[in-house]
Amino acid sequence: MKKDVDLLRDARIVEVNEAQDMMVVVFEDRDADTSGRITLFMALKPALQIKAWITRDAQGLDTRVDLTEVTPSEEPDARLFDPALKLERKAR
């Protein structure tokens, strides 16, 4: 298992569907020895937003995660999308 996953480097898009205000994108692992898959469900309106995802593991078992009651911020911290940077964890 990789610590950092880059979908452009580590996965290939195998399916894209758009219906009404939703888009579904399916990625598979590029590594032939791994049969992992992730399906992203995204709302297109009023803005692009991930709503859920399903991961399929090597045994063919699915795990679904639904995002509910999401409160978007004004502007996400760009460091969240830069794997080269490490964010400091705040003590709770």
PDB file of N, CA and C in Angstrom:
ATOM      1  N   MET A   1       0.834  -1.172   0.000  1.00  0.00           N
ATOM      2  CA  MET A   1       0.000   0.000   0.000  1.00  0.00           C
ATOM      3  C   MET A   1       0.883   1.241   0.000  1.00  0.00           C
ATOM      4  N   LYS A   2       0.572   2.199  -0.877  1.00  0.00           N
ATOM      5  CA  LYS A   2       1.332   3.436  -0.953  1.00  0.00           C
ATOM      6  C   LYS A   2       0.809   4.443   0.045  1.00  0.00           C
ATOM      7  N   LYS A   3       1.737   5.223   0.601  1.00  0.00           N
ATOM      8  CA  LYS A   3       1.345   6.255   1.549  1.00  0.00           C
ATOM      9  C   LYS A   3       0.669   7.416   0.815  1.00  0.00           C
ATOM     10  N   ASP A   4       1.233   7.824  -0.314  1.00  0.00           N
ATOM     11  CA  ASP A   4       0.683   8.907  -1.115  1.00  0.00           C
ATOM     12  C   ASP A   4       0.207   8.349  -2.446  1.00  0.00           C
ATOM     13  N   VAL A   5      -1.033   8.634  -2.784  1.00  0.00           N
ATOM     14  CA  VAL A   5      -1.611   8.151  -4.037  1.00  0.00           C
ATOM     15  C   VAL A   5      -1.842   9.347  -4.949  1.00  0.00           C
ATOM     16  N   ASP A   6      -1.394   9.232  -6.166  1.00  0.00           N
ATOM     17  CA  ASP A   6      -1.596  10.244  -7.192  1.00  0.00           C
ATOM     18  C   ASP A   6      -2.445   9.583  -8.270  1.00  0.00           C
ATOM     19  N   LEU A   7      -3.689  10.017  -8.427  1.00  0.00           N
ATOM     20  CA  LEU A   7      -4.590   9.361  -9.380  1.00  0.00           C
ATOM     21  C   LEU A   7      -4.071   9.427 -10.811  1.00  0.00           C
ATOM     22  N   LEU A   8      -3.364  10.503 -11.164  1.00  0.00           N
ATOM     23  CA  LEU A   8      -2.831  10.590 -12.526  1.00  0.00           C
ATOM     24  C   LEU A   8      -1.688   9.603 -12.743  1.00  0.00           C
ATOM     25  N   ARG A   9      -0.894   9.380 -11.706  1.00  0.00           N
ATOM     26  CA  ARG A   9       0.256   8.476 -11.807  1.00  0.00           C
ATOM     27  C   ARG A   9      -0.133   7.018 -11.553  1.00  0.00           C
ATOM     28  N   ASP A  10      -0.984   6.784 -10.559  1.00  0.00           N
ATOM     29  CA  ASP A  10      -1.222   5.436 -10.057  1.00  0.00           C
ATOM     30  C   ASP A  10      -2.494   4.772 -10.577  1.00  0.00           C
ATOM     31  N   ALA A  11      -3.351   5.536 -11.251  1.00  0.00           N
ATOM     32  CA  ALA A  11      -4.631   4.964 -11.679  1.00  0.00           C
ATOM     33  C   ALA A  11      -4.915   5.311 -13.133  1.00  0.00           C
ATOM     34  N   ARG A  12      -5.869   4.590 -13.674  1.00  0.00           N
ATOM     35  CA  ARG A  12      -6.336   4.903 -15.028  1.00  0.00           C
ATOM     36  C   ARG A  12      -7.851   5.027 -14.969  1.00  0.00           C
ATOM     37  N   ILE A  13      -8.379   5.953 -15.750  1.00  0.00           N
ATOM     38  CA  ILE A  13      -9.828   6.148 -15.811  1.00  0.00           C
ATOM     39  C   ILE A  13     -10.409   5.070 -16.716  1.00  0.00           C
ATOM     40  N   VAL A  14     -11.380   4.329 -16.201  1.00  0.00           N
ATOM     41  CA  VAL A  14     -11.980   3.256 -16.994  1.00  0.00           C
ATOM     42  C   VAL A  14     -13.426   3.563 -17.390  1.00  0.00           C
ATOM     43  N   GLU A  15     -14.030   4.558 -16.734  1.00  0.00           N
ATOM     44  CA  GLU A  15     -15.421   4.872 -17.058  1.00  0.00           C
ATOM     45  C   GLU A  15     -15.757   6.273 -16.555  1.00  0.00           C
ATOM     46  N   VAL A  16     -16.510   7.019 -17.361  1.00  0.00           N
ATOM     47  CA  VAL A  16     -17.038   8.322 -16.960  1.00  0.00           C
ATOM     48  C   VAL A  16     -18.474   8.387 -17.437  1.00  0.00           C
ATOM     49  N   ASN A  17     -19.381   8.708 -16.508  1.00  0.00           N
ATOM     50  CA  ASN A  17     -20.793   8.854 -16.849  1.00  0.00           C
ATOM     51  C   ASN A  17     -21.304  10.158 -16.267  1.00  0.00           C
ATOM     52  N   GLU A  18     -22.189  10.804 -17.028  1.00  0.00           N
ATOM     53  CA  GLU A  18     -22.820  12.025 -16.547  1.00  0.00           C
ATOM     54  C   GLU A  18     -24.318  11.887 -16.749  1.00  0.00           C
ATOM     55  N   ALA A  19     -25.067  12.152 -15.689  1.00  0.00           N
ATOM     56  CA  ALA A  19     -26.522  12.091 -15.761  1.00  0.00           C
ATOM     57  C   ALA A  19     -27.088  13.191 -14.886  1.00  0.00           C
ATOM     58  N   GLN A  20     -27.947  13.992 -15.460  1.00  0.00           N
ATOM     59  CA  GLN A  20     -28.558  15.126 -14.761  1.00  0.00           C
ATOM     60  C   GLN A  20     -27.465  15.985 -14.138  1.00  0.00           C
ATOM     61  N   ASP A  21     -27.438  16.111 -12.821  1.00  0.00           N
ATOM     62  CA  ASP A  21     -26.465  16.975 -12.162  1.00  0.00           C
ATOM     63  C   ASP A  21     -25.351  16.191 -11.475  1.00  0.00           C
ATOM     64  N   MET A  22     -25.110  14.941 -11.907  1.00  0.00           N
ATOM     65  CA  MET A  22     -24.085  14.098 -11.293  1.00  0.00           C
ATOM     66  C   MET A  22     -23.095  13.588 -12.338  1.00  0.00           C
ATOM     67  N   MET A  23     -21.864  13.379 -11.896  1.00  0.00           N
ATOM     68  CA  MET A  23     -20.846  12.738 -12.722  1.00  0.00           C
ATOM     69  C   MET A  23     -20.255  11.596 -11.904  1.00  0.00           C
ATOM     70  N   VAL A  24     -20.028  10.480 -12.569  1.00  0.00           N
ATOM     71  CA  VAL A  24     -19.427   9.316 -11.927  1.00  0.00           C
ATOM     72  C   VAL A  24     -18.154   8.977 -12.699  1.00  0.00           C
ATOM     73  N   VAL A  25     -17.031   8.884 -11.975  1.00  0.00           N
ATOM     74  CA  VAL A  25     -15.745   8.558 -12.592  1.00  0.00           C
ATOM     75  C   VAL A  25     -15.194   7.323 -11.881  1.00  0.00           C
ATOM     76  N   VAL A  26     -14.802   6.316 -12.670  1.00  0.00           N
ATOM     77  CA  VAL A  26     -14.265   5.071 -12.122  1.00  0.00           C
ATOM     78  C   VAL A  26     -12.781   4.985 -12.465  1.00  0.00           C
ATOM     79  N   PHE A  27     -11.959   4.772 -11.431  1.00  0.00           N
ATOM     80  CA  PHE A  27     -10.522   4.612 -11.588  1.00  0.00           C
ATOM     81  C   PHE A  27     -10.135   3.200 -11.176  1.00  0.00           C
ATOM     82  N   GLU A  28      -9.139   2.640 -11.873  1.00  0.00           N
ATOM     83  CA  GLU A  28      -8.557   1.360 -11.480  1.00  0.00           C
ATOM     84  C   GLU A  28      -7.062   1.542 -11.282  1.00  0.00           C
ATOM     85  N   ASP A  29      -6.496   0.718 -10.439  1.00  0.00           N
ATOM     86  CA  ASP A  29      -5.065   0.744 -10.165  1.00  0.00           C
ATOM     87  C   ASP A  29      -4.301   0.360 -11.429  1.00  0.00           C
ATOM     88  N   ARG A  30      -3.244   1.089 -11.745  1.00  0.00           N
ATOM     89  CA  ARG A  30      -2.410   0.768 -12.919  1.00  0.00           C
ATOM     90  C   ARG A  30      -1.581  -0.495 -12.702  1.00  0.00           C
ATOM     91  N   ASP A  31      -1.305  -0.822 -11.464  1.00  0.00           N
ATOM     92  CA  ASP A  31      -0.497  -1.985 -11.124  1.00  0.00           C
ATOM     93  C   ASP A  31      -1.282  -3.259 -11.438  1.00  0.00           C
ATOM     94  N   ALA A  32      -0.769  -4.068 -12.323  1.00  0.00           N
ATOM     95  CA  ALA A  32      -1.464  -5.297 -12.733  1.00  0.00           C
ATOM     96  C   ALA A  32      -1.615  -6.293 -11.586  1.00  0.00           C
ATOM     97  N   ASP A  33      -0.773  -6.191 -10.569  1.00  0.00           N
ATOM     98  CA  ASP A  33      -0.856  -7.104  -9.426  1.00  0.00           C
ATOM     99  C   ASP A  33      -1.930  -6.692  -8.422  1.00  0.00           C
ATOM    100  N   THR A  34      -2.513  -5.522  -8.626  1.00  0.00           N
ATOM    101  CA  THR A  34      -3.526  -5.006  -7.706  1.00  0.00           C
ATOM    102  C   THR A  34      -4.821  -4.804  -8.469  1.00  0.00           C
ATOM    103  N   SER A  35      -5.924  -5.190  -7.867  1.00  0.00           N
ATOM    104  CA  SER A  35      -7.203  -5.036  -8.565  1.00  0.00           C
ATOM    105  C   SER A  35      -8.085  -4.009  -7.874  1.00  0.00           C
ATOM    106  N   GLY A  36      -7.468  -2.992  -7.273  1.00  0.00           N
ATOM    107  CA  GLY A  36      -8.239  -1.958  -6.589  1.00  0.00           C
ATOM    108  C   GLY A  36      -8.994  -1.075  -7.568  1.00  0.00           C
ATOM    109  N   ARG A  37     -10.106  -0.528  -7.084  1.00  0.00           N
ATOM    110  CA  ARG A  37     -10.941   0.346  -7.908  1.00  0.00           C
ATOM    111  C   ARG A  37     -11.613   1.357  -6.997  1.00  0.00           C
ATOM    112  N   ILE A  38     -11.768   2.584  -7.493  1.00  0.00           N
ATOM    113  CA  ILE A  38     -12.524   3.601  -6.765  1.00  0.00           C
ATOM    114  C   ILE A  38     -13.492   4.266  -7.732  1.00  0.00           C
ATOM    115  N   THR A  39     -14.709   4.448  -7.265  1.00  0.00           N
ATOM    116  CA  THR A  39     -15.740   5.128  -8.035  1.00  0.00           C
ATOM    117  C   THR A  39     -16.092   6.410  -7.294  1.00  0.00           C
ATOM    118  N   LEU A  40     -15.910   7.562  -7.948  1.00  0.00           N
ATOM    119  CA  LEU A  40     -16.231   8.856  -7.354  1.00  0.00           C
ATOM    120  C   LEU A  40     -17.570   9.346  -7.878  1.00  0.00           C
ATOM    121  N   PHE A  41     -18.414   9.832  -6.975  1.00  0.00           N
ATOM    122  CA  PHE A  41     -19.705  10.420  -7.329  1.00  0.00           C
ATOM    123  C   PHE A  41     -19.605  11.911  -7.026  1.00  0.00           C
ATOM    124  N   MET A  42     -19.797  12.743  -8.055  1.00  0.00           N
ATOM    125  CA  MET A  42     -19.636  14.186  -7.887  1.00  0.00           C
ATOM    126  C   MET A  42     -20.872  14.938  -8.369  1.00  0.00           C
ATOM    127  N   ALA A  43     -21.292  15.912  -7.575  1.00  0.00           N
ATOM    128  CA  ALA A  43     -22.360  16.812  -7.985  1.00  0.00           C
ATOM    129  C   ALA A  43     -21.749  17.859  -8.906  1.00  0.00           C
ATOM    130  N   LEU A  44     -22.475  18.233  -9.940  1.00  0.00           N
ATOM    131  CA  LEU A  44     -21.976  19.236 -10.881  1.00  0.00           C
ATOM    132  C   LEU A  44     -22.502  20.634 -10.565  1.00  0.00           C
ATOM    133  N   LYS A  45     -23.642  20.711  -9.875  1.00  0.00           N
ATOM    134  CA  LYS A  45     -24.260  22.000  -9.574  1.00  0.00           C
ATOM    135  C   LYS A  45     -24.560  22.089  -8.097  1.00  0.00           C
ATOM    136  N   PRO A  46     -24.447  23.205  -7.478  1.00  0.00           N
ATOM    137  CA  PRO A  46     -24.082  24.503  -8.058  1.00  0.00           C
ATOM    138  C   PRO A  46     -22.596  24.602  -8.380  1.00  0.00           C
ATOM    139  N   ALA A  47     -21.782  23.723  -7.776  1.00  0.00           N
ATOM    140  CA  ALA A  47     -20.343  23.663  -8.085  1.00  0.00           C
ATOM    141  C   ALA A  47     -19.910  22.211  -7.984  1.00  0.00           C
ATOM    142  N   LEU A  48     -18.794  21.893  -8.603  1.00  0.00           N
ATOM    143  CA  LEU A  48     -18.279  20.525  -8.549  1.00  0.00           C
ATOM    144  C   LEU A  48     -17.939  20.163  -7.105  1.00  0.00           C
ATOM    145  N   GLN A  49     -18.521  19.047  -6.626  1.00  0.00           N
ATOM    146  CA  GLN A  49     -18.308  18.640  -5.241  1.00  0.00           C
ATOM    147  C   GLN A  49     -18.407  17.121  -5.140  1.00  0.00           C
ATOM    148  N   ILE A  50     -17.428  16.494  -4.485  1.00  0.00           N
ATOM    149  CA  ILE A  50     -17.477  15.050  -4.261  1.00  0.00           C
ATOM    150  C   ILE A  50     -18.577  14.773  -3.256  1.00  0.00           C
ATOM    151  N   LYS A  51     -19.481  13.850  -3.608  1.00  0.00           N
ATOM    152  CA  LYS A  51     -20.595  13.494  -2.734  1.00  0.00           C
ATOM    153  C   LYS A  51     -20.401  12.133  -2.074  1.00  0.00           C
ATOM    154  N   ALA A  52     -19.708  11.228  -2.773  1.00  0.00           N
ATOM    155  CA  ALA A  52     -19.520   9.873  -2.243  1.00  0.00           C
ATOM    156  C   ALA A  52     -18.438   9.174  -3.051  1.00  0.00           C
ATOM    157  N   TRP A  53     -17.957   8.054  -2.497  1.00  0.00           N
ATOM    158  CA  TRP A  53     -17.066   7.182  -3.256  1.00  0.00           C
ATOM    159  C   TRP A  53     -17.244   5.752  -2.784  1.00  0.00           C
ATOM    160  N   ILE A  54     -16.919   4.849  -3.689  1.00  0.00           N
ATOM    161  CA  ILE A  54     -16.944   3.417  -3.388  1.00  0.00           C
ATOM    162  C   ILE A  54     -15.571   2.871  -3.738  1.00  0.00           C
ATOM    163  N   THR A  55     -14.967   2.167  -2.801  1.00  0.00           N
ATOM    164  CA  THR A  55     -13.701   1.490  -3.083  1.00  0.00           C
ATOM    165  C   THR A  55     -13.955  -0.008  -3.151  1.00  0.00           C
ATOM    166  N   ARG A  56     -13.295  -0.653  -4.092  1.00  0.00           N
ATOM    167  CA  ARG A  56     -13.359  -2.116  -4.213  1.00  0.00           C
ATOM    168  C   ARG A  56     -11.958  -2.645  -3.968  1.00  0.00           C
ATOM    169  N   ASP A  57     -11.843  -3.562  -3.014  1.00  0.00           N
ATOM    170  CA  ASP A  57     -10.525  -4.094  -2.673  1.00  0.00           C
ATOM    171  C   ASP A  57     -10.202  -5.319  -3.518  1.00  0.00           C
ATOM    172  N   ALA A  58      -9.045  -5.896  -3.267  1.00  0.00           N
ATOM    173  CA  ALA A  58      -8.566  -7.040  -4.055  1.00  0.00           C
ATOM    174  C   ALA A  58      -9.464  -8.261  -3.935  1.00  0.00           C
ATOM    175  N   GLN A  59     -10.241  -8.365  -2.846  1.00  0.00           N
ATOM    176  CA  GLN A  59     -11.167  -9.496  -2.684  1.00  0.00           C
ATOM    177  C   GLN A  59     -12.511  -9.229  -3.357  1.00  0.00           C
ATOM    178  N   GLY A  60     -12.679  -8.029  -3.948  1.00  0.00           N
ATOM    179  CA  GLY A  60     -13.931  -7.690  -4.608  1.00  0.00           C
ATOM    180  C   GLY A  60     -14.984  -7.121  -3.664  1.00  0.00           C
ATOM    181  N   LEU A  61     -14.572  -6.759  -2.445  1.00  0.00           N
ATOM    182  CA  LEU A  61     -15.505  -6.191  -1.475  1.00  0.00           C
ATOM    183  C   LEU A  61     -15.569  -4.678  -1.631  1.00  0.00           C
ATOM    184  N   ASP A  62     -16.777  -4.122  -1.570  1.00  0.00           N
ATOM    185  CA  ASP A  62     -16.982  -2.692  -1.725  1.00  0.00           C
ATOM    186  C   ASP A  62     -17.187  -2.015  -0.375  1.00  0.00           C
ATOM    187  N   THR A  63     -16.643  -0.809  -0.270  1.00  0.00           N
ATOM    188  CA  THR A  63     -16.883   0.057   0.878  1.00  0.00           C
ATOM    189  C   THR A  63     -17.343   1.392   0.328  1.00  0.00           C
ATOM    190  N   ARG A  64     -18.526   1.862   0.779  1.00  0.00           N
ATOM    191  CA  ARG A  64     -19.072   3.131   0.305  1.00  0.00           C
ATOM    192  C   ARG A  64     -18.984   4.168   1.414  1.00  0.00           C
ATOM    193  N   VAL A  65     -18.566   5.382   1.032  1.00  0.00           N
ATOM    194  CA  VAL A  65     -18.506   6.519   1.944  1.00  0.00           C
ATOM    195  C   VAL A  65     -19.357   7.624   1.334  1.00  0.00           C
ATOM    196  N   ASP A  66     -20.356   8.089   2.095  1.00  0.00           N
ATOM    197  CA  ASP A  66     -21.209   9.198   1.668  1.00  0.00           C
ATOM    198  C   ASP A  66     -20.861  10.432   2.485  1.00  0.00           C
ATOM    199  N   LEU A  67     -20.690  11.562   1.806  1.00  0.00           N
ATOM    200  CA  LEU A  67     -20.414  12.813   2.498  1.00  0.00           C
ATOM    201  C   LEU A  67     -21.732  13.557   2.673  1.00  0.00           C
ATOM    202  N   THR A  68     -22.085  13.840   3.912  1.00  0.00           N
ATOM    203  CA  THR A  68     -23.332  14.550   4.203  1.00  0.00           C
ATOM    204  C   THR A  68     -23.026  15.752   5.076  1.00  0.00           C
ATOM    205  N   GLU A  69     -23.877  16.717   5.020  1.00  0.00           N
ATOM    206  CA  GLU A  69     -23.751  17.936   5.824  1.00  0.00           C
ATOM    207  C   GLU A  69     -22.368  18.567   5.678  1.00  0.00           C
ATOM    208  N   VAL A  70     -21.899  18.664   4.449  1.00  0.00           N
ATOM    209  CA  VAL A  70     -20.593  19.246   4.157  1.00  0.00           C
ATOM    210  C   VAL A  70     -20.733  20.761   4.139  1.00  0.00           C
ATOM    211  N   THR A  71     -19.863  21.432   4.864  1.00  0.00           N
ATOM    212  CA  THR A  71     -19.849  22.893   4.876  1.00  0.00           C
ATOM    213  C   THR A  71     -18.607  23.350   4.131  1.00  0.00           C
ATOM    214  N   PRO A  72     -18.772  23.847   2.912  1.00  0.00           N
ATOM    215  CA  PRO A  72     -17.594  24.267   2.147  1.00  0.00           C
ATOM    216  C   PRO A  72     -16.967  25.527   2.732  1.00  0.00           C
ATOM    217  N   SER A  73     -15.660  25.617   2.614  1.00  0.00           N
ATOM    218  CA  SER A  73     -14.957  26.815   3.060  1.00  0.00           C
ATOM    219  C   SER A  73     -14.880  27.782   1.888  1.00  0.00           C
ATOM    220  N   GLU A  74     -14.495  28.987   2.180  1.00  0.00           N
ATOM    221  CA  GLU A  74     -14.360  29.994   1.119  1.00  0.00           C
ATOM    222  C   GLU A  74     -13.327  29.548   0.084  1.00  0.00           C
ATOM    223  N   GLU A  75     -12.163  29.175   0.578  1.00  0.00           N
ATOM    224  CA  GLU A  75     -11.058  28.767  -0.306  1.00  0.00           C
ATOM    225  C   GLU A  75     -10.268  27.692   0.411  1.00  0.00           C
ATOM    226  N   PRO A  76     -10.185  26.473  -0.147  1.00  0.00           N
ATOM    227  CA  PRO A  76      -9.406  25.435   0.530  1.00  0.00           C
ATOM    228  C   PRO A  76      -7.919  25.785   0.547  1.00  0.00           C
ATOM    229  N   ASP A  77      -7.257  25.351   1.585  1.00  0.00           N
ATOM    230  CA  ASP A  77      -5.831  25.574   1.722  1.00  0.00           C
ATOM    231  C   ASP A  77      -5.105  24.805   0.619  1.00  0.00           C
ATOM    232  N   ALA A  78      -4.361  25.500  -0.227  1.00  0.00           N
ATOM    233  CA  ALA A  78      -3.659  24.878  -1.355  1.00  0.00           C
ATOM    234  C   ALA A  78      -2.689  23.802  -0.908  1.00  0.00           C
ATOM    235  N   ARG A  79      -2.196  23.899   0.339  1.00  0.00           N
ATOM    236  CA  ARG A  79      -1.261  22.892   0.846  1.00  0.00           C
ATOM    237  C   ARG A  79      -1.918  21.518   0.957  1.00  0.00           C
ATOM    238  N   LEU A  80      -3.247  21.481   1.050  1.00  0.00           N
ATOM    239  CA  LEU A  80      -3.942  20.199   1.125  1.00  0.00           C
ATOM    240  C   LEU A  80      -3.753  19.372  -0.142  1.00  0.00           C
ATOM    241  N   PHE A  81      -3.461  20.029  -1.250  1.00  0.00           N
ATOM    242  CA  PHE A  81      -3.347  19.351  -2.534  1.00  0.00           C
ATOM    243  C   PHE A  81      -1.904  19.212  -2.995  1.00  0.00           C
ATOM    244  N   ASP A  82      -0.958  19.497  -2.118  1.00  0.00           N
ATOM    245  CA  ASP A  82       0.451  19.373  -2.442  1.00  0.00           C
ATOM    246  C   ASP A  82       1.066  18.300  -1.553  1.00  0.00           C
ATOM    247  N   PRO A  83       1.225  17.064  -2.092  1.00  0.00           N
ATOM    248  CA  PRO A  83       1.742  15.976  -1.258  1.00  0.00           C
ATOM    249  C   PRO A  83       3.181  16.190  -0.797  1.00  0.00           C
ATOM    250  N   ALA A  84       3.895  17.123  -1.399  1.00  0.00           N
ATOM    251  CA  ALA A  84       5.273  17.373  -0.988  1.00  0.00           C
ATOM    252  C   ALA A  84       5.334  18.141   0.329  1.00  0.00           C
ATOM    253  N   LEU A  85       4.241  18.801   0.671  1.00  0.00           N
ATOM    254  CA  LEU A  85       4.204  19.570   1.914  1.00  0.00           C
ATOM    255  C   LEU A  85       3.536  18.758   3.012  1.00  0.00           C
ATOM    256  N   LYS A  86       4.009  18.916   4.218  1.00  0.00           N
ATOM    257  CA  LYS A  86       3.388  18.245   5.359  1.00  0.00           C
ATOM    258  C   LYS A  86       2.724  19.297   6.222  1.00  0.00           C
ATOM    259  N   LEU A  87       1.453  19.118   6.464  1.00  0.00           N
ATOM    260  CA  LEU A  87       0.745  20.038   7.332  1.00  0.00           C
ATOM    261  C   LEU A  87       1.009  19.697   8.788  1.00  0.00           C
ATOM    262  N   GLU A  88       1.157  20.710   9.577  1.00  0.00           N
ATOM    263  CA  GLU A  88       1.339  20.480  11.008  1.00  0.00           C
ATOM    264  C   GLU A  88      -0.007  20.100  11.598  1.00  0.00           C
ATOM    265  N   ARG A  89      -0.006  19.087  12.432  1.00  0.00           N
ATOM    266  CA  ARG A  89      -1.242  18.691  13.104  1.00  0.00           C
ATOM    267  C   ARG A  89      -1.387  19.487  14.377  1.00  0.00           C
ATOM    268  N   LYS A  90      -2.561  20.019  14.560  1.00  0.00           N
ATOM    269  CA  LYS A  90      -2.831  20.786  15.767  1.00  0.00           C
ATOM    270  C   LYS A  90      -3.139  19.846  16.912  1.00  0.00           C
ATOM    271  N   ALA A  91      -2.601  20.152  18.071  1.00  0.00           N
ATOM    272  CA  ALA A  91      -2.877  19.346  19.263  1.00  0.00           C
ATOM    273  C   ALA A  91      -4.314  19.591  19.687  1.00  0.00           C
ATOM    274  N   ARG A  92      -4.995  18.518  20.039  1.00  0.00           N
ATOM    275  CA  ARG A  92      -6.397  18.643  20.439  1.00  0.00           C
ATOM    276  C   ARG A  92      -6.514  18.775  21.921  1.00  0.00           C
TER     277      ARG A  92
END
